[in-house]
Amino acid sequence: MEVQFGLYRGHTFQWLLTHDLGYTAGLLASHVAEREAGHSSSSPLLCNKDALLEYAQLFDEVAAAIVDKRRTLIGGTDSEGDRLVGFSEYRSVTYRELYEQR
Protein backbone atom coordinates (compact mmCIF):
# COMPACT_ATOMS: atom_id res chain seq x y z
CA MET A 1 0.00 0.00 0.00
CA GLU A 2 0.99 3.60 -0.47
CA VAL A 3 0.92 6.56 1.90
CA GLN A 4 -1.92 8.88 0.85
CA PHE A 5 -1.02 11.92 2.94
CA GLY A 6 1.73 14.24 4.03
CA LEU A 7 5.40 14.49 3.27
CA TYR A 8 5.79 10.97 1.87
CA ARG A 9 2.58 10.73 -0.16
CA GLY A 10 2.96 8.11 -2.88
CA HIS A 11 5.68 6.08 -1.16
CA THR A 12 4.95 2.55 -0.03
CA PHE A 13 4.46 1.68 3.62
CA GLN A 14 7.59 -0.46 3.47
CA TRP A 15 9.64 2.42 2.08
CA LEU A 16 8.40 4.74 4.82
CA LEU A 17 9.29 2.33 7.62
CA THR A 18 12.80 1.78 6.28
CA HIS A 19 13.59 5.41 5.42
CA ASP A 20 12.07 7.56 8.18
CA LEU A 21 11.21 5.62 11.31
CA GLY A 22 11.15 8.74 13.49
CA TYR A 23 8.55 10.44 11.30
CA THR A 24 6.50 7.25 11.13
CA ALA A 25 6.59 6.68 14.89
CA GLY A 26 5.57 10.27 15.60
CA LEU A 27 2.79 10.20 13.04
CA LEU A 28 1.38 6.91 14.28
CA ALA A 29 1.69 7.87 17.95
CA SER A 30 -0.41 10.96 17.19
CA HIS A 31 -2.86 8.86 15.20
CA VAL A 32 -3.28 6.40 18.08
CA ALA A 33 -3.89 9.33 20.44
CA GLU A 34 -6.57 10.71 18.11
CA ARG A 35 -8.32 7.34 17.91
CA GLU A 36 -8.13 6.90 21.69
CA ALA A 37 -9.64 10.37 22.12
CA GLY A 38 -12.70 9.15 20.23
CA HIS A 39 -12.07 10.32 16.67
CA SER A 40 -13.92 7.59 14.82
CA SER A 41 -13.94 9.15 11.38
CA SER A 42 -13.66 6.77 8.46
CA SER A 43 -12.23 9.30 6.02
CA PRO A 44 -9.88 7.82 3.41
CA LEU A 45 -6.84 9.49 5.00
CA LEU A 46 -7.60 8.18 8.48
CA CYS A 47 -8.29 4.72 7.06
CA ASN A 48 -4.90 4.90 5.33
CA LYS A 49 -3.29 5.77 8.67
CA ASP A 50 -5.14 2.87 10.28
CA ALA A 51 -3.74 0.54 7.61
CA LEU A 52 -0.22 1.97 8.09
CA LEU A 53 -0.52 1.45 11.85
CA GLU A 54 -1.64 -2.15 11.38
CA TYR A 55 1.28 -2.80 9.01
CA ALA A 56 3.83 -1.00 11.22
CA GLN A 57 2.87 -3.01 14.29
CA LEU A 58 3.96 -6.19 12.52
CA PHE A 59 7.56 -5.11 13.16
CA ASP A 60 8.82 -5.14 16.75
CA GLU A 61 11.26 -2.25 16.28
CA VAL A 62 8.57 -0.02 14.80
CA ALA A 63 5.99 -0.99 17.43
CA ALA A 64 8.51 -0.14 20.17
CA ALA A 65 9.26 3.24 18.55
CA ILE A 66 5.53 4.05 18.47
CA VAL A 67 5.18 3.14 22.16
CA ASP A 68 8.20 5.30 22.96
CA LYS A 69 6.71 8.28 21.11
CA ARG A 70 3.37 7.74 22.85
CA ARG A 71 5.08 7.96 26.23
CA THR A 72 6.48 11.34 25.26
CA LEU A 73 3.11 12.55 23.95
CA ILE A 74 1.14 11.59 27.05
CA GLY A 75 3.37 13.43 29.45
CA GLY A 76 6.17 10.94 29.75
CA THR A 77 9.67 12.11 30.28
CA ASP A 78 11.98 13.27 27.55
CA SER A 79 14.93 11.96 29.53
CA GLU A 80 17.05 9.68 27.38
CA GLY A 81 17.35 7.20 30.24
CA ASP A 82 13.61 6.70 30.30
CA ARG A 83 13.29 5.99 26.59
CA LEU A 84 12.85 2.42 25.37
CA VAL A 85 15.82 0.67 23.79
CA GLY A 86 13.39 -0.51 21.12
CA PHE A 87 15.23 -3.46 19.54
CA SER A 88 16.45 -6.99 20.20
CA GLU A 89 15.55 -8.70 23.46
CA TYR A 90 15.79 -5.29 25.16
CA ARG A 91 13.09 -3.61 23.05
CA SER A 92 10.73 -3.10 26.03
CA VAL A 93 13.46 -2.06 28.51
CA THR A 94 14.46 1.56 29.14
CA TYR A 95 18.05 2.66 28.67
CA ARG A 96 18.24 3.33 32.42
CA GLU A 97 17.05 -0.21 33.26
CA LEU A 98 19.52 -1.68 30.79
CA TYR A 99 22.41 0.32 32.26
CA GLU A 100 21.48 -0.61 35.81
CA GLN A 101 21.25 -4.35 35.01
CA ARG A 102 25.02 -4.80 34.74
PDB file of N, CA and C in Angstrom:
ATOM      1  N   MET A   1       0.836  -1.185   0.000  1.00  0.00           N
ATOM      2  CA  MET A   1       0.000   0.000   0.000  1.00  0.00           C
ATOM      3  C   MET A   1       0.878   1.244   0.000  1.00  0.00           C
ATOM      4  N   GLU A   2       0.271   2.331  -0.414  1.00  0.00           N
ATOM      5  CA  GLU A   2       0.986   3.600  -0.467  1.00  0.00           C
ATOM      6  C   GLU A   2       0.425   4.600   0.537  1.00  0.00           C
ATOM      7  N   VAL A   3       1.309   5.465   1.016  1.00  0.00           N
ATOM      8  CA  VAL A   3       0.924   6.558   1.902  1.00  0.00           C
ATOM      9  C   VAL A   3       0.113   7.559   1.075  1.00  0.00           C
ATOM     10  N   GLN A   4      -1.032   7.978   1.587  1.00  0.00           N
ATOM     11  CA  GLN A   4      -1.919   8.876   0.846  1.00  0.00           C
ATOM     12  C   GLN A   4      -1.957  10.276   1.437  1.00  0.00           C
ATOM     13  N   PHE A   5      -0.986  10.636   2.254  1.00  0.00           N
ATOM     14  CA  PHE A   5      -1.021  11.920   2.940  1.00  0.00           C
ATOM     15  C   PHE A   5       0.395  12.401   3.214  1.00  0.00           C
ATOM     16  N   GLY A   6       0.519  13.671   3.477  1.00  0.00           N
ATOM     17  CA  GLY A   6       1.733  14.245   4.027  1.00  0.00           C
ATOM     18  C   GLY A   6       2.979  14.210   3.170  1.00  0.00           C
ATOM     19  N   LEU A   7       4.069  14.354   3.848  1.00  0.00           N
ATOM     20  CA  LEU A   7       5.397  14.487   3.267  1.00  0.00           C
ATOM     21  C   LEU A   7       5.770  13.352   2.321  1.00  0.00           C
ATOM     22  N   TYR A   8       5.376  12.141   2.646  1.00  0.00           N
ATOM     23  CA  TYR A   8       5.791  10.971   1.873  1.00  0.00           C
ATOM     24  C   TYR A   8       4.663  10.365   1.039  1.00  0.00           C
ATOM     25  N   ARG A   9       3.697  11.196   0.674  1.00  0.00           N
ATOM     26  CA  ARG A   9       2.581  10.727  -0.160  1.00  0.00           C
ATOM     27  C   ARG A   9       3.131  10.026  -1.403  1.00  0.00           C
ATOM     28  N   GLY A  10       2.564   8.853  -1.694  1.00  0.00           N
ATOM     29  CA  GLY A  10       2.958   8.107  -2.883  1.00  0.00           C
ATOM     30  C   GLY A  10       4.006   7.035  -2.634  1.00  0.00           C
ATOM     31  N   HIS A  11       4.695   7.116  -1.512  1.00  0.00           N
ATOM     32  CA  HIS A  11       5.679   6.084  -1.162  1.00  0.00           C
ATOM     33  C   HIS A  11       4.959   4.902  -0.521  1.00  0.00           C
ATOM     34  N   THR A  12       5.559   3.732  -0.632  1.00  0.00           N
ATOM     35  CA  THR A  12       4.955   2.547  -0.032  1.00  0.00           C
ATOM     36  C   THR A  12       5.154   2.562   1.480  1.00  0.00           C
ATOM     37  N   PHE A  13       4.314   1.808   2.174  1.00  0.00           N
ATOM     38  CA  PHE A  13       4.464   1.677   3.619  1.00  0.00           C
ATOM     39  C   PHE A  13       5.844   1.130   3.956  1.00  0.00           C
ATOM     40  N   GLN A  14       6.287   0.141   3.210  1.00  0.00           N
ATOM     41  CA  GLN A  14       7.588  -0.460   3.471  1.00  0.00           C
ATOM     42  C   GLN A  14       8.694   0.583   3.335  1.00  0.00           C
ATOM     43  N   TRP A  15       8.629   1.389   2.292  1.00  0.00           N
ATOM     44  CA  TRP A  15       9.638   2.425   2.081  1.00  0.00           C
ATOM     45  C   TRP A  15       9.666   3.374   3.275  1.00  0.00           C
ATOM     46  N   LEU A  16       8.490   3.793   3.714  1.00  0.00           N
ATOM     47  CA  LEU A  16       8.398   4.738   4.824  1.00  0.00           C
ATOM     48  C   LEU A  16       9.032   4.183   6.087  1.00  0.00           C
ATOM     49  N   LEU A  17       8.739   2.924   6.407  1.00  0.00           N
ATOM     50  CA  LEU A  17       9.292   2.330   7.625  1.00  0.00           C
ATOM     51  C   LEU A  17      10.803   2.194   7.559  1.00  0.00           C
ATOM     52  N   THR A  18      11.351   1.971   6.392  1.00  0.00           N
ATOM     53  CA  THR A  18      12.798   1.783   6.285  1.00  0.00           C
ATOM     54  C   THR A  18      13.563   3.088   6.098  1.00  0.00           C
ATOM     55  N   HIS A  19      12.881   4.162   5.698  1.00  0.00           N
ATOM     56  CA  HIS A  19      13.587   5.407   5.422  1.00  0.00           C
ATOM     57  C   HIS A  19      13.376   6.525   6.436  1.00  0.00           C
ATOM     58  N   ASP A  20      12.287   6.498   7.182  1.00  0.00           N
ATOM     59  CA  ASP A  20      12.072   7.560   8.179  1.00  0.00           C
ATOM     60  C   ASP A  20      11.243   7.028   9.351  1.00  0.00           C
ATOM     61  N   LEU A  21      11.882   6.239  10.173  1.00  0.00           N
ATOM     62  CA  LEU A  21      11.208   5.624  11.312  1.00  0.00           C
ATOM     63  C   LEU A  21      10.745   6.669  12.320  1.00  0.00           C
ATOM     64  N   GLY A  22      11.533   7.695  12.532  1.00  0.00           N
ATOM     65  CA  GLY A  22      11.153   8.742  13.485  1.00  0.00           C
ATOM     66  C   GLY A  22       9.866   9.441  13.085  1.00  0.00           C
ATOM     67  N   TYR A  23       9.767   9.809  11.819  1.00  0.00           N
ATOM     68  CA  TYR A  23       8.547  10.438  11.299  1.00  0.00           C
ATOM     69  C   TYR A  23       7.369   9.492  11.451  1.00  0.00           C
ATOM     70  N   THR A  24       7.567   8.249  11.076  1.00  0.00           N
ATOM     71  CA  THR A  24       6.501   7.254  11.130  1.00  0.00           C
ATOM     72  C   THR A  24       6.027   7.043  12.561  1.00  0.00           C
ATOM     73  N   ALA A  25       6.956   6.899  13.490  1.00  0.00           N
ATOM     74  CA  ALA A  25       6.592   6.682  14.892  1.00  0.00           C
ATOM     75  C   ALA A  25       5.818   7.875  15.444  1.00  0.00           C
ATOM     76  N   GLY A  26       6.262   9.074  15.138  1.00  0.00           N
ATOM     77  CA  GLY A  26       5.573  10.274  15.602  1.00  0.00           C
ATOM     78  C   GLY A  26       4.173  10.392  15.016  1.00  0.00           C
ATOM     79  N   LEU A  27       4.073  10.150  13.733  1.00  0.00           N
ATOM     80  CA  LEU A  27       2.790  10.201  13.041  1.00  0.00           C
ATOM     81  C   LEU A  27       1.812   9.184  13.624  1.00  0.00           C
ATOM     82  N   LEU A  28       2.263   7.960  13.790  1.00  0.00           N
ATOM     83  CA  LEU A  28       1.381   6.909  14.278  1.00  0.00           C
ATOM     84  C   LEU A  28       1.059   7.061  15.762  1.00  0.00           C
ATOM     85  N   ALA A  29       1.986   7.590  16.540  1.00  0.00           N
ATOM     86  CA  ALA A  29       1.694   7.869  17.952  1.00  0.00           C
ATOM     87  C   ALA A  29       0.583   8.910  18.052  1.00  0.00           C
ATOM     88  N   SER A  30       0.643   9.937  17.220  1.00  0.00           N
ATOM     89  CA  SER A  30      -0.406  10.955  17.193  1.00  0.00           C
ATOM     90  C   SER A  30      -1.724  10.364  16.718  1.00  0.00           C
ATOM     91  N   HIS A  31      -1.652   9.504  15.724  1.00  0.00           N
ATOM     92  CA  HIS A  31      -2.860   8.864  15.195  1.00  0.00           C
ATOM     93  C   HIS A  31      -3.529   7.994  16.260  1.00  0.00           C
ATOM     94  N   VAL A  32      -2.732   7.228  17.001  1.00  0.00           N
ATOM     95  CA  VAL A  32      -3.278   6.397  18.078  1.00  0.00           C
ATOM     96  C   VAL A  32      -3.952   7.289  19.123  1.00  0.00           C
ATOM     97  N   ALA A  33      -3.317   8.403  19.462  1.00  0.00           N
ATOM     98  CA  ALA A  33      -3.889   9.327  20.444  1.00  0.00           C
ATOM     99  C   ALA A  33      -5.229   9.876  19.955  1.00  0.00           C
ATOM    100  N   GLU A  34      -5.308  10.213  18.674  1.00  0.00           N
ATOM    101  CA  GLU A  34      -6.572  10.706  18.108  1.00  0.00           C
ATOM    102  C   GLU A  34      -7.659   9.646  18.213  1.00  0.00           C
ATOM    103  N   ARG A  35      -7.327   8.424  17.849  1.00  0.00           N
ATOM    104  CA  ARG A  35      -8.315   7.337  17.907  1.00  0.00           C
ATOM    105  C   ARG A  35      -8.739   7.078  19.354  1.00  0.00           C
ATOM    106  N   GLU A  36      -7.800   7.117  20.274  1.00  0.00           N
ATOM    107  CA  GLU A  36      -8.128   6.897  21.686  1.00  0.00           C
ATOM    108  C   GLU A  36      -8.985   8.025  22.252  1.00  0.00           C
ATOM    109  N   ALA A  37      -8.851   9.215  21.678  1.00  0.00           N
ATOM    110  CA  ALA A  37      -9.642  10.366  22.115  1.00  0.00           C
ATOM    111  C   ALA A  37     -11.061  10.318  21.561  1.00  0.00           C
ATOM    112  N   GLY A  38     -11.342   9.323  20.728  1.00  0.00           N
ATOM    113  CA  GLY A  38     -12.697   9.151  20.233  1.00  0.00           C
ATOM    114  C   GLY A  38     -12.938   9.576  18.797  1.00  0.00           C
ATOM    115  N   HIS A  39     -11.910   9.964  18.083  1.00  0.00           N
ATOM    116  CA  HIS A  39     -12.069  10.320  16.673  1.00  0.00           C
ATOM    117  C   HIS A  39     -12.318   9.041  15.882  1.00  0.00           C
ATOM    118  N   SER A  40     -13.554   8.840  15.496  1.00  0.00           N
ATOM    119  CA  SER A  40     -13.922   7.587  14.825  1.00  0.00           C
ATOM    120  C   SER A  40     -14.214   7.790  13.348  1.00  0.00           C
ATOM    121  N   SER A  41     -13.711   8.853  12.788  1.00  0.00           N
ATOM    122  CA  SER A  41     -13.938   9.146  11.376  1.00  0.00           C
ATOM    123  C   SER A  41     -13.435   8.002  10.500  1.00  0.00           C
ATOM    124  N   SER A  42     -14.110   7.798   9.407  1.00  0.00           N
ATOM    125  CA  SER A  42     -13.665   6.770   8.464  1.00  0.00           C
ATOM    126  C   SER A  42     -13.276   7.421   7.135  1.00  0.00           C
ATOM    127  N   SER A  43     -12.698   8.620   7.234  1.00  0.00           N
ATOM    128  CA  SER A  43     -12.235   9.300   6.022  1.00  0.00           C
ATOM    129  C   SER A  43     -11.124   8.475   5.382  1.00  0.00           C
ATOM    130  N   PRO A  44     -10.935   8.606   4.089  1.00  0.00           N
ATOM    131  CA  PRO A  44      -9.883   7.824   3.412  1.00  0.00           C
ATOM    132  C   PRO A  44      -8.495   8.020   4.020  1.00  0.00           C
ATOM    133  N   LEU A  45      -8.169   9.241   4.434  1.00  0.00           N
ATOM    134  CA  LEU A  45      -6.839   9.487   4.999  1.00  0.00           C
ATOM    135  C   LEU A  45      -6.673   8.797   6.353  1.00  0.00           C
ATOM    136  N   LEU A  46      -7.703   8.857   7.185  1.00  0.00           N
ATOM    137  CA  LEU A  46      -7.601   8.176   8.477  1.00  0.00           C
ATOM    138  C   LEU A  46      -7.592   6.664   8.309  1.00  0.00           C
ATOM    139  N   CYS A  47      -8.323   6.162   7.341  1.00  0.00           N
ATOM    140  CA  CYS A  47      -8.287   4.723   7.059  1.00  0.00           C
ATOM    141  C   CYS A  47      -6.908   4.304   6.567  1.00  0.00           C
ATOM    142  N   ASN A  48      -6.251   5.183   5.796  1.00  0.00           N
ATOM    143  CA  ASN A  48      -4.902   4.895   5.329  1.00  0.00           C
ATOM    144  C   ASN A  48      -3.936   4.868   6.512  1.00  0.00           C
ATOM    145  N   LYS A  49      -4.124   5.784   7.458  1.00  0.00           N
ATOM    146  CA  LYS A  49      -3.285   5.773   8.667  1.00  0.00           C
ATOM    147  C   LYS A  49      -3.556   4.525   9.500  1.00  0.00           C
ATOM    148  N   ASP A  50      -4.819   4.110   9.572  1.00  0.00           N
ATOM    149  CA  ASP A  50      -5.144   2.868  10.280  1.00  0.00           C
ATOM    150  C   ASP A  50      -4.410   1.686   9.654  1.00  0.00           C
ATOM    151  N   ALA A  51      -4.413   1.637   8.327  1.00  0.00           N
ATOM    152  CA  ALA A  51      -3.739   0.543   7.615  1.00  0.00           C
ATOM    153  C   ALA A  51      -2.229   0.604   7.846  1.00  0.00           C
ATOM    154  N   LEU A  52      -1.661   1.806   7.823  1.00  0.00           N
ATOM    155  CA  LEU A  52      -0.224   1.967   8.091  1.00  0.00           C
ATOM    156  C   LEU A  52       0.098   1.502   9.511  1.00  0.00           C
ATOM    157  N   LEU A  53      -0.738   1.871  10.471  1.00  0.00           N
ATOM    158  CA  LEU A  53      -0.522   1.448  11.852  1.00  0.00           C
ATOM    159  C   LEU A  53      -0.556  -0.071  11.964  1.00  0.00           C
ATOM    160  N   GLU A  54      -1.531  -0.684  11.342  1.00  0.00           N
ATOM    161  CA  GLU A  54      -1.641  -2.145  11.382  1.00  0.00           C
ATOM    162  C   GLU A  54      -0.394  -2.798  10.780  1.00  0.00           C
ATOM    163  N   TYR A  55       0.075  -2.267   9.660  1.00  0.00           N
ATOM    164  CA  TYR A  55       1.280  -2.801   9.013  1.00  0.00           C
ATOM    165  C   TYR A  55       2.510  -2.570   9.903  1.00  0.00           C
ATOM    166  N   ALA A  56       2.646  -1.359  10.429  1.00  0.00           N
ATOM    167  CA  ALA A  56       3.826  -1.001  11.222  1.00  0.00           C
ATOM    168  C   ALA A  56       3.955  -1.868  12.459  1.00  0.00           C
ATOM    169  N   GLN A  57       2.827  -2.228  13.060  1.00  0.00           N
ATOM    170  CA  GLN A  57       2.872  -3.012  14.286  1.00  0.00           C
ATOM    171  C   GLN A  57       3.280  -4.464  14.058  1.00  0.00           C
ATOM    172  N   LEU A  58       3.441  -4.856  12.818  1.00  0.00           N
ATOM    173  CA  LEU A  58       3.958  -6.192  12.519  1.00  0.00           C
ATOM    174  C   LEU A  58       5.451  -6.297  12.817  1.00  0.00           C
ATOM    175  N   PHE A  59       6.109  -5.156  12.961  1.00  0.00           N
ATOM    176  CA  PHE A  59       7.556  -5.106  13.157  1.00  0.00           C
ATOM    177  C   PHE A  59       7.863  -4.617  14.570  1.00  0.00           C
ATOM    178  N   ASP A  60       8.551  -5.440  15.347  1.00  0.00           N
ATOM    179  CA  ASP A  60       8.819  -5.138  16.752  1.00  0.00           C
ATOM    180  C   ASP A  60       9.513  -3.794  16.946  1.00  0.00           C
ATOM    181  N   GLU A  61      10.505  -3.504  16.129  1.00  0.00           N
ATOM    182  CA  GLU A  61      11.263  -2.253  16.277  1.00  0.00           C
ATOM    183  C   GLU A  61      10.355  -1.042  16.065  1.00  0.00           C
ATOM    184  N   VAL A  62       9.482  -1.130  15.092  1.00  0.00           N
ATOM    185  CA  VAL A  62       8.574  -0.022  14.800  1.00  0.00           C
ATOM    186  C   VAL A  62       7.535   0.104  15.909  1.00  0.00           C
ATOM    187  N   ALA A  63       6.978  -1.009  16.345  1.00  0.00           N
ATOM    188  CA  ALA A  63       5.993  -0.993  17.430  1.00  0.00           C
ATOM    189  C   ALA A  63       6.595  -0.365  18.687  1.00  0.00           C
ATOM    190  N   ALA A  64       7.838  -0.702  18.998  1.00  0.00           N
ATOM    191  CA  ALA A  64       8.508  -0.136  20.172  1.00  0.00           C
ATOM    192  C   ALA A  64       8.725   1.365  20.000  1.00  0.00           C
ATOM    193  N   ALA A  65       9.060   1.807  18.806  1.00  0.00           N
ATOM    194  CA  ALA A  65       9.262   3.235  18.545  1.00  0.00           C
ATOM    195  C   ALA A  65       7.952   4.003  18.716  1.00  0.00           C
ATOM    196  N   ILE A  66       6.837   3.406  18.310  1.00  0.00           N
ATOM    197  CA  ILE A  66       5.529   4.052  18.474  1.00  0.00           C
ATOM    198  C   ILE A  66       5.194   4.176  19.958  1.00  0.00           C
ATOM    199  N   VAL A  67       5.427   3.113  20.716  1.00  0.00           N
ATOM    200  CA  VAL A  67       5.179   3.139  22.159  1.00  0.00           C
ATOM    201  C   VAL A  67       6.039   4.211  22.813  1.00  0.00           C
ATOM    202  N   ASP A  68       7.284   4.304  22.405  1.00  0.00           N
ATOM    203  CA  ASP A  68       8.200   5.302  22.955  1.00  0.00           C
ATOM    204  C   ASP A  68       7.689   6.709  22.673  1.00  0.00           C
ATOM    205  N   LYS A  69       7.252   6.967  21.464  1.00  0.00           N
ATOM    206  CA  LYS A  69       6.714   8.282  21.110  1.00  0.00           C
ATOM    207  C   LYS A  69       5.443   8.577  21.891  1.00  0.00           C
ATOM    208  N   ARG A  70       4.612   7.553  22.086  1.00  0.00           N
ATOM    209  CA  ARG A  70       3.368   7.736  22.852  1.00  0.00           C
ATOM    210  C   ARG A  70       3.678   8.162  24.278  1.00  0.00           C
ATOM    211  N   ARG A  71       4.695   7.583  24.866  1.00  0.00           N
ATOM    212  CA  ARG A  71       5.079   7.964  26.233  1.00  0.00           C
ATOM    213  C   ARG A  71       5.423   9.442  26.294  1.00  0.00           C
ATOM    214  N   THR A  72       6.109   9.929  25.311  1.00  0.00           N
ATOM    215  CA  THR A  72       6.476  11.339  25.259  1.00  0.00           C
ATOM    216  C   THR A  72       5.237  12.204  25.079  1.00  0.00           C
ATOM    217  N   LEU A  73       4.321  11.777  24.228  1.00  0.00           N
ATOM    218  CA  LEU A  73       3.113  12.554  23.950  1.00  0.00           C
ATOM    219  C   LEU A  73       2.175  12.645  25.148  1.00  0.00           C
ATOM    220  N   ILE A  74       2.101  11.599  25.951  1.00  0.00           N
ATOM    221  CA  ILE A  74       1.135  11.592  27.049  1.00  0.00           C
ATOM    222  C   ILE A  74       1.753  12.077  28.359  1.00  0.00           C
ATOM    223  N   GLY A  75       2.802  12.840  28.248  1.00  0.00           N
ATOM    224  CA  GLY A  75       3.371  13.427  29.448  1.00  0.00           C
ATOM    225  C   GLY A  75       4.503  12.642  30.037  1.00  0.00           C
ATOM    226  N   GLY A  76       5.005  11.684  29.289  1.00  0.00           N
ATOM    227  CA  GLY A  76       6.168  10.941  29.746  1.00  0.00           C
ATOM    228  C   GLY A  76       7.386  11.846  29.758  1.00  0.00           C
ATOM    229  N   THR A  77       8.453  11.318  30.199  1.00  0.00           N
ATOM    230  CA  THR A  77       9.668  12.111  30.284  1.00  0.00           C
ATOM    231  C   THR A  77      10.415  12.122  28.964  1.00  0.00           C
ATOM    232  N   ASP A  78      11.120  13.193  28.728  1.00  0.00           N
ATOM    233  CA  ASP A  78      11.980  13.272  27.546  1.00  0.00           C
ATOM    234  C   ASP A  78      13.397  12.826  27.874  1.00  0.00           C
ATOM    235  N   SER A  79      13.612  12.398  29.116  1.00  0.00           N
ATOM    236  CA  SER A  79      14.928  11.963  29.531  1.00  0.00           C
ATOM    237  C   SER A  79      15.357  10.741  28.719  1.00  0.00           C
ATOM    238  N   GLU A  80      16.544  10.778  28.199  1.00  0.00           N
ATOM    239  CA  GLU A  80      17.047   9.677  27.380  1.00  0.00           C
ATOM    240  C   GLU A  80      17.050   8.367  28.150  1.00  0.00           C
ATOM    241  N   GLY A  81      17.314   8.411  29.429  1.00  0.00           N
ATOM    242  CA  GLY A  81      17.349   7.199  30.236  1.00  0.00           C
ATOM    243  C   GLY A  81      16.004   6.510  30.358  1.00  0.00           C
ATOM    244  N   ASP A  82      14.943   7.265  30.167  1.00  0.00           N
ATOM    245  CA  ASP A  82      13.605   6.702  30.297  1.00  0.00           C
ATOM    246  C   ASP A  82      12.996   6.304  28.961  1.00  0.00           C
ATOM    247  N   ARG A  83      13.768   6.403  27.911  1.00  0.00           N
ATOM    248  CA  ARG A  83      13.293   5.988  26.589  1.00  0.00           C
ATOM    249  C   ARG A  83      13.540   4.490  26.415  1.00  0.00           C
ATOM    250  N   LEU A  84      12.686   3.851  25.635  1.00  0.00           N
ATOM    251  CA  LEU A  84      12.853   2.421  25.367  1.00  0.00           C
ATOM    252  C   LEU A  84      14.034   2.176  24.443  1.00  0.00           C
ATOM    253  N   VAL A  85      14.741   1.078  24.689  1.00  0.00           N
ATOM    254  CA  VAL A  85      15.822   0.673  23.792  1.00  0.00           C
ATOM    255  C   VAL A  85      15.234   0.404  22.408  1.00  0.00           C
ATOM    256  N   GLY A  86      14.158  -0.373  22.355  1.00  0.00           N
ATOM    257  CA  GLY A  86      13.392  -0.513  21.119  1.00  0.00           C
ATOM    258  C   GLY A  86      13.835  -1.573  20.133  1.00  0.00           C
ATOM    259  N   PHE A  87      14.818  -2.400  20.455  1.00  0.00           N
ATOM    260  CA  PHE A  87      15.230  -3.455  19.539  1.00  0.00           C
ATOM    261  C   PHE A  87      15.790  -4.629  20.329  1.00  0.00           C
ATOM    262  N   SER A  88      15.939  -5.727  19.653  1.00  0.00           N
ATOM    263  CA  SER A  88      16.447  -6.989  20.199  1.00  0.00           C
ATOM    264  C   SER A  88      15.655  -7.418  21.431  1.00  0.00           C
ATOM    265  N   GLU A  89      16.262  -8.225  22.271  1.00  0.00           N
ATOM    266  CA  GLU A  89      15.549  -8.703  23.456  1.00  0.00           C
ATOM    267  C   GLU A  89      15.323  -7.587  24.475  1.00  0.00           C
ATOM    268  N   TYR A  90      15.928  -6.423  24.249  1.00  0.00           N
ATOM    269  CA  TYR A  90      15.793  -5.285  25.163  1.00  0.00           C
ATOM    270  C   TYR A  90      14.776  -4.254  24.673  1.00  0.00           C
ATOM    271  N   ARG A  91      13.980  -4.588  23.673  1.00  0.00           N
ATOM    272  CA  ARG A  91      13.086  -3.606  23.055  1.00  0.00           C
ATOM    273  C   ARG A  91      12.090  -2.972  24.025  1.00  0.00           C
ATOM    274  N   SER A  92      11.713  -3.659  25.088  1.00  0.00           N
ATOM    275  CA  SER A  92      10.735  -3.103  26.028  1.00  0.00           C
ATOM    276  C   SER A  92      11.381  -2.640  27.336  1.00  0.00           C
ATOM    277  N   VAL A  93      12.703  -2.490  27.337  1.00  0.00           N
ATOM    278  CA  VAL A  93      13.460  -2.056  28.508  1.00  0.00           C
ATOM    279  C   VAL A  93      13.935  -0.631  28.266  1.00  0.00           C
ATOM    280  N   THR A  94      13.934   0.200  29.305  1.00  0.00           N
ATOM    281  CA  THR A  94      14.460   1.558  29.137  1.00  0.00           C
ATOM    282  C   THR A  94      15.988   1.516  29.167  1.00  0.00           C
ATOM    283  N   TYR A  95      16.592   2.580  28.642  1.00  0.00           N
ATOM    284  CA  TYR A  95      18.051   2.660  28.675  1.00  0.00           C
ATOM    285  C   TYR A  95      18.549   2.641  30.119  1.00  0.00           C
ATOM    286  N   ARG A  96      17.846   3.307  31.020  1.00  0.00           N
ATOM    287  CA  ARG A  96      18.243   3.328  32.421  1.00  0.00           C
ATOM    288  C   ARG A  96      18.218   1.914  33.015  1.00  0.00           C
ATOM    289  N   GLU A  97      17.145   1.161  32.761  1.00  0.00           N
ATOM    290  CA  GLU A  97      17.054  -0.206  33.264  1.00  0.00           C
ATOM    291  C   GLU A  97      18.162  -1.086  32.697  1.00  0.00           C
ATOM    292  N   LEU A  98      18.459  -0.905  31.421  1.00  0.00           N
ATOM    293  CA  LEU A  98      19.524  -1.680  30.788  1.00  0.00           C
ATOM    294  C   LEU A  98      20.872  -1.360  31.439  1.00  0.00           C
ATOM    295  N   TYR A  99      21.141  -0.104  31.650  1.00  0.00           N
ATOM    296  CA  TYR A  99      22.406   0.316  32.263  1.00  0.00           C
ATOM    297  C   TYR A  99      22.524  -0.228  33.683  1.00  0.00           C
ATOM    298  N   GLU A 100      21.434  -0.191  34.419  1.00  0.00           N
ATOM    299  CA  GLU A 100      21.476  -0.614  35.813  1.00  0.00           C
ATOM    300  C   GLU A 100      21.495  -2.126  35.991  1.00  0.00           C
ATOM    301  N   GLN A 101      21.245  -2.890  34.922  1.00  0.00           N
ATOM    302  CA  GLN A 101      21.245  -4.350  35.012  1.00  0.00           C
ATOM    303  C   GLN A 101      22.625  -4.928  35.256  1.00  0.00           C
ATOM    304  N   ARG A 102      23.628  -4.349  34.640  1.00  0.00           N
ATOM    305  CA  ARG A 102      25.024  -4.801  34.743  1.00  0.00           C
ATOM    306  C   ARG A 102      25.079  -6.282  34.844  1.00  0.00           C
TER     307      ARG A 102
END
